[in-house]
N, C-alpha and C. Protein backbone atom coordinates (compact mmCIF):
# COMPACT_ATOMS: atom_id res chain seq x y z
N UNK A 1 25.28 -3.07 -1.91
CA UNK A 1 24.63 -3.44 -1.00
C UNK A 1 23.59 -2.59 -0.64
N UNK A 2 23.79 -1.19 -0.90
CA UNK A 2 22.74 -0.29 -0.39
C UNK A 2 21.59 -0.37 -1.44
N UNK A 3 21.99 -0.65 -2.76
CA UNK A 3 20.60 -0.71 -3.96
C UNK A 3 20.16 -1.62 -3.39
N UNK A 4 20.46 -3.02 -2.63
CA UNK A 4 19.83 -3.96 -2.29
C UNK A 4 18.85 -3.88 -1.46
N UNK A 5 19.59 -2.95 -0.29
CA UNK A 5 18.45 -2.64 0.77
C UNK A 5 17.34 -1.62 0.30
N UNK A 6 17.58 -0.85 -0.46
CA UNK A 6 16.58 0.17 -0.74
C UNK A 6 15.30 -0.52 -1.63
N UNK A 7 15.84 -1.58 -2.36
CA UNK A 7 14.84 -2.28 -3.24
C UNK A 7 14.23 -3.10 -2.19
N UNK A 8 14.75 -3.82 -1.40
CA UNK A 8 13.86 -4.58 -0.18
C UNK A 8 12.96 -3.47 0.64
N UNK A 9 13.50 -2.78 0.90
CA UNK A 9 12.30 -1.83 1.56
C UNK A 9 11.16 -1.28 0.47
N UNK A 10 11.49 -1.06 -0.49
CA UNK A 10 10.44 -0.39 -1.57
C UNK A 10 9.61 -1.65 -1.69
N UNK A 11 9.99 -2.79 -1.81
CA UNK A 11 9.40 -4.26 -2.03
C UNK A 11 8.27 -4.43 -0.91
N UNK A 12 8.71 -4.22 0.64
CA UNK A 12 7.53 -4.41 1.26
C UNK A 12 6.17 -3.55 1.32
N UNK A 13 6.26 -2.43 1.00
CA UNK A 13 4.76 -2.06 0.97
C UNK A 13 4.03 -2.64 -0.37
N UNK A 14 4.97 -2.80 -1.62
CA UNK A 14 4.37 -3.45 -2.71
C UNK A 14 3.79 -4.98 -2.27
N UNK A 15 4.08 -5.85 -1.28
CA UNK A 15 3.49 -6.96 -1.27
C UNK A 15 2.20 -6.48 -0.18
N UNK A 16 2.41 -5.82 0.49
CA UNK A 16 0.98 -4.97 1.18
C UNK A 16 -0.11 -4.76 0.23
N UNK A 17 0.29 -4.10 -0.79
CA UNK A 17 -0.52 -3.31 -1.78
C UNK A 17 -1.20 -4.56 -2.62
N UNK A 18 -0.49 -5.65 -3.00
CA UNK A 18 -0.75 -6.76 -3.52
C UNK A 18 -1.65 -7.72 -2.55
N UNK A 19 -1.38 -7.76 -1.57
CA UNK A 19 -2.44 -8.11 -0.36
C UNK A 19 -3.95 -7.49 -0.38
N UNK A 20 -3.96 -6.14 -0.37
CA UNK A 20 -5.03 -5.37 -0.61
C UNK A 20 -5.77 -5.87 -1.81
N UNK A 21 -4.80 -5.69 -2.94
CA UNK A 21 -5.85 -6.38 -4.11
C UNK A 21 -6.45 -7.36 -4.18
N UNK A 22 -5.56 -8.45 -3.62
CA UNK A 22 -6.02 -9.86 -3.51
C UNK A 22 -7.47 -9.85 -2.48
N UNK A 23 -7.55 -9.55 -1.33
CA UNK A 23 -8.55 -9.55 -0.41
C UNK A 23 -9.68 -8.92 -0.81
N UNK A 24 -9.34 -7.48 -1.22
CA UNK A 24 -10.42 -6.30 -1.26
C UNK A 24 -10.99 -6.70 -2.79
N UNK A 25 -10.14 -6.35 -3.47
CA UNK A 25 -10.57 -6.27 -4.87
C UNK A 25 -11.06 -7.43 -5.91
N UNK A 26 -10.24 -8.47 -5.54
CA UNK A 26 -10.56 -9.71 -6.15
C UNK A 26 -11.45 -11.04 -5.13
N UNK A 27 -11.74 -10.51 -3.85
CA UNK A 27 -12.18 -11.11 -2.62
C UNK A 27 -11.86 -12.77 -2.55
N UNK A 28 -10.55 -12.80 -2.73
CA UNK A 28 -10.00 -14.04 -2.25
C UNK A 28 -9.58 -14.06 -0.84
N UNK A 29 -10.34 -14.72 -0.45
CA UNK A 29 -9.93 -14.44 1.38
C UNK A 29 -8.40 -15.44 1.44
N UNK A 30 -7.44 -14.82 1.93
CA UNK A 30 -5.91 -15.18 2.63
C UNK A 30 -5.83 -15.32 4.06
N UNK A 31 -5.52 -16.31 4.54
CA UNK A 31 -5.19 -16.53 6.06
C UNK A 31 -4.04 -15.91 6.35
N UNK A 32 -3.76 -14.69 7.04
CA UNK A 32 -2.39 -14.55 7.40
C UNK A 32 -2.57 -14.55 9.02
N UNK A 33 -2.35 -15.62 9.53
CA UNK A 33 -2.65 -15.96 10.78
C UNK A 33 -1.64 -15.60 11.77
N UNK A 34 -0.41 -15.10 11.17
CA UNK A 34 0.86 -14.48 12.04
C UNK A 34 0.37 -13.23 12.31
N UNK A 35 -0.34 -12.26 11.57
CA UNK A 35 -0.54 -10.75 12.25
C UNK A 35 -1.50 -10.95 12.76
N UNK A 36 -1.39 -10.33 13.74
CA UNK A 36 -2.81 -10.33 15.06
C UNK A 36 -3.66 -9.28 14.10
N UNK A 37 -4.99 -9.27 14.48
CA UNK A 37 -6.03 -8.53 14.00
C UNK A 37 -5.91 -7.21 13.74
N UNK A 38 -5.70 -6.95 15.10
CA UNK A 38 -5.65 -5.38 15.64
C UNK A 38 -4.39 -4.63 14.90
N UNK A 39 -3.29 -5.41 14.59
CA UNK A 39 -2.22 -4.85 14.04
C UNK A 39 -2.52 -4.58 12.38
N UNK A 40 -3.19 -5.77 11.80
CA UNK A 40 -3.47 -5.73 10.51
C UNK A 40 -4.54 -4.72 10.15
N UNK A 41 -5.30 -4.59 11.15
CA UNK A 41 -6.25 -3.43 10.58
C UNK A 41 -5.75 -2.02 10.76
N UNK A 42 -4.60 -1.81 11.57
CA UNK A 42 -3.76 -0.73 11.74
C UNK A 42 -3.12 -0.41 10.05
N UNK A 43 -2.36 -1.67 10.04
CA UNK A 43 -1.60 -1.55 8.59
C UNK A 43 -2.86 -1.18 7.55
N UNK A 44 -3.52 -1.75 7.17
CA UNK A 44 -4.36 -1.52 6.28
C UNK A 44 -4.75 -0.13 6.16
N UNK A 45 -5.65 0.60 7.48
CA UNK A 45 -6.04 1.93 7.55
C UNK A 45 -5.27 3.00 7.60
N UNK A 46 -4.44 3.07 8.27
CA UNK A 46 -3.09 3.90 8.47
C UNK A 46 -1.89 3.61 7.80
N UNK A 47 -1.35 2.23 7.88
CA UNK A 47 0.14 1.92 7.04
C UNK A 47 0.00 2.24 5.66
N UNK A 48 -1.08 2.00 4.94
CA UNK A 48 -0.71 1.87 3.44
C UNK A 48 -1.06 3.21 2.74
N UNK A 49 -1.78 4.31 3.85
CA UNK A 49 -1.55 5.59 3.02
C UNK A 49 -0.56 6.19 3.26
N UNK A 50 0.24 5.98 4.45
CA UNK A 50 1.52 6.30 4.74
C UNK A 50 2.81 5.52 3.95
N UNK A 51 2.65 4.47 3.70
CA UNK A 51 3.55 3.51 2.93
C UNK A 51 3.37 4.05 1.52
N UNK A 52 2.28 4.27 0.98
CA UNK A 52 2.06 4.83 -0.51
C UNK A 52 2.60 6.14 -0.60
N UNK A 53 2.23 7.28 0.51
CA UNK A 53 2.80 8.34 0.24
C UNK A 53 4.60 8.65 0.49
N UNK A 54 4.74 7.47 1.09
CA UNK A 54 6.40 7.77 1.37
C UNK A 54 6.97 7.20 0.03
N UNK A 55 6.66 6.01 -0.12
CA UNK A 55 6.94 5.43 -1.29
C UNK A 55 6.91 5.87 -2.56
N UNK A 56 6.01 6.57 -2.97
CA UNK A 56 5.57 7.49 -4.06
C UNK A 56 6.70 8.70 -4.02
N UNK A 57 6.80 9.32 -2.99
CA UNK A 57 7.44 10.87 -2.55
C UNK A 57 8.73 10.43 -3.00
N UNK A 58 9.54 9.48 -2.68
CA UNK A 58 10.61 8.81 -2.41
C UNK A 58 11.05 8.63 -3.92
N UNK A 59 10.16 7.57 -4.59
CA UNK A 59 10.35 7.36 -5.95
C UNK A 59 10.35 8.20 -6.80
N UNK A 60 9.50 8.97 -6.66
CA UNK A 60 9.52 10.34 -7.81
C UNK A 60 10.70 11.13 -7.43
N UNK A 61 11.14 11.41 -6.04
CA UNK A 61 12.43 12.10 -5.81
C UNK A 61 13.67 12.14 -6.38
N UNK A 62 13.92 10.56 -6.55
CA UNK A 62 14.88 9.86 -7.11
C UNK A 62 14.95 9.35 -8.24
N UNK A 63 13.47 9.69 -9.11
CA UNK A 63 13.35 9.37 -10.50
C UNK A 63 13.43 8.04 -10.91
N UNK A 64 13.26 7.26 -9.97
CA UNK A 64 12.85 5.68 -10.32
C UNK A 64 11.78 5.30 -10.79
N UNK A 65 11.17 5.26 -12.15
CA UNK A 65 10.19 5.74 -12.74
C UNK A 65 9.43 4.38 -12.71
N UNK A 66 10.15 3.24 -12.91
CA UNK A 66 9.61 1.88 -13.02
C UNK A 66 8.71 1.92 -11.28
N UNK A 67 9.78 2.12 -10.78
CA UNK A 67 8.95 1.83 -8.82
C UNK A 67 7.94 3.02 -8.70
N UNK A 68 7.88 3.86 -9.22
CA UNK A 68 7.16 4.77 -9.18
C UNK A 68 5.77 4.60 -9.88
N UNK A 69 5.99 3.93 -11.19
CA UNK A 69 4.80 3.25 -11.89
C UNK A 69 3.87 2.11 -11.15
N UNK A 70 4.83 1.43 -10.67
CA UNK A 70 4.31 0.17 -9.41
C UNK A 70 3.23 0.52 -8.37
N UNK A 71 4.09 1.76 -7.70
CA UNK A 71 3.19 2.08 -6.81
C UNK A 71 1.92 2.89 -6.93
N UNK A 72 2.01 3.62 -8.13
CA UNK A 72 0.64 4.11 -8.45
C UNK A 72 -0.23 3.32 -9.00
N UNK A 73 0.08 2.17 -9.66
CA UNK A 73 -0.75 0.76 -10.09
C UNK A 73 -1.32 0.38 -8.84
N UNK A 74 -0.46 -0.27 -8.20
CA UNK A 74 -0.99 -1.04 -6.83
C UNK A 74 -1.22 -0.44 -5.83
N UNK A 75 -0.63 0.93 -5.43
CA UNK A 75 -1.04 1.41 -4.04
C UNK A 75 -2.11 2.40 -4.25
N UNK A 76 -1.84 2.90 -5.63
CA UNK A 76 -3.00 4.41 -5.90
C UNK A 76 -4.55 4.22 -5.59
N UNK A 77 -4.88 3.21 -6.24
CA UNK A 77 -6.23 2.30 -6.26
C UNK A 77 -6.77 2.47 -4.99
N UNK A 78 -6.00 1.86 -4.15
CA UNK A 78 -6.58 1.32 -2.77
C UNK A 78 -6.65 2.44 -1.84
N UNK A 79 -5.58 3.41 -2.19
CA UNK A 79 -5.54 4.46 -1.17
C UNK A 79 -6.60 5.79 -1.49
N UNK A 80 -6.54 5.85 -3.18
CA UNK A 80 -7.60 6.68 -3.43
C UNK A 80 -8.84 6.31 -3.36
N UNK A 81 -9.11 4.89 -3.17
CA UNK A 81 -10.63 4.31 -2.72
C UNK A 81 -10.98 4.84 -1.17
N UNK A 82 -9.93 4.57 -0.24
CA UNK A 82 -10.18 4.68 0.77
C UNK A 82 -10.59 6.11 1.24
N UNK A 83 -9.43 6.94 0.82
CA UNK A 83 -9.98 8.62 1.06
C UNK A 83 -11.63 8.79 0.63
N UNK A 84 -11.64 8.41 -0.65
CA UNK A 84 -12.92 8.90 -1.19
C UNK A 84 -13.72 8.35 -0.66
N UNK A 85 -13.89 7.17 -0.21
CA UNK A 85 -14.93 6.68 0.96
C UNK A 85 -14.95 7.15 2.19
N UNK A 86 -14.19 7.27 2.74
CA UNK A 86 -13.98 7.66 4.03
C UNK A 86 -14.66 9.07 3.66
N UNK A 87 -14.26 10.50 2.80
CA UNK A 87 -15.03 11.68 2.84
C UNK A 87 -16.63 11.64 2.46
N UNK A 88 -16.87 10.41 1.46
CA UNK A 88 -18.14 10.27 1.37
C UNK A 88 -19.18 9.88 2.53
N UNK A 89 -18.06 8.93 3.31
CA UNK A 89 -18.97 8.58 4.31
C UNK A 89 -19.05 9.70 5.52
N UNK A 90 -17.96 10.27 5.73
CA UNK A 90 -18.02 11.72 6.73
C UNK A 90 -19.08 12.67 6.34
N UNK A 91 -19.33 12.92 5.08
CA UNK A 91 -20.35 14.33 4.71
C UNK A 91 -21.87 13.52 4.62
N UNK A 92 -21.81 12.45 3.89
CA UNK A 92 -23.04 11.96 3.56
C UNK A 92 -24.10 10.88 4.41
């Protein structure tokens, strides 16, 4: 039961990462009407980096290399792009 809960908790951020890939990278508009706009913006700009860091540190620490690879593939690109663009926007 504990393993099922851990896998479910590790899956939720990946669903958010897939949503970010679909909407921002592939430019496919998905209407998520049950999430208020303000909370959606907070999740994308603050929740995504936080979930990425917590999930990748946890999976690296526990040596779950498949989960870690998925986090790096799906979450690393949007988070890195966000940080790079925010730094560019701040200084230039």
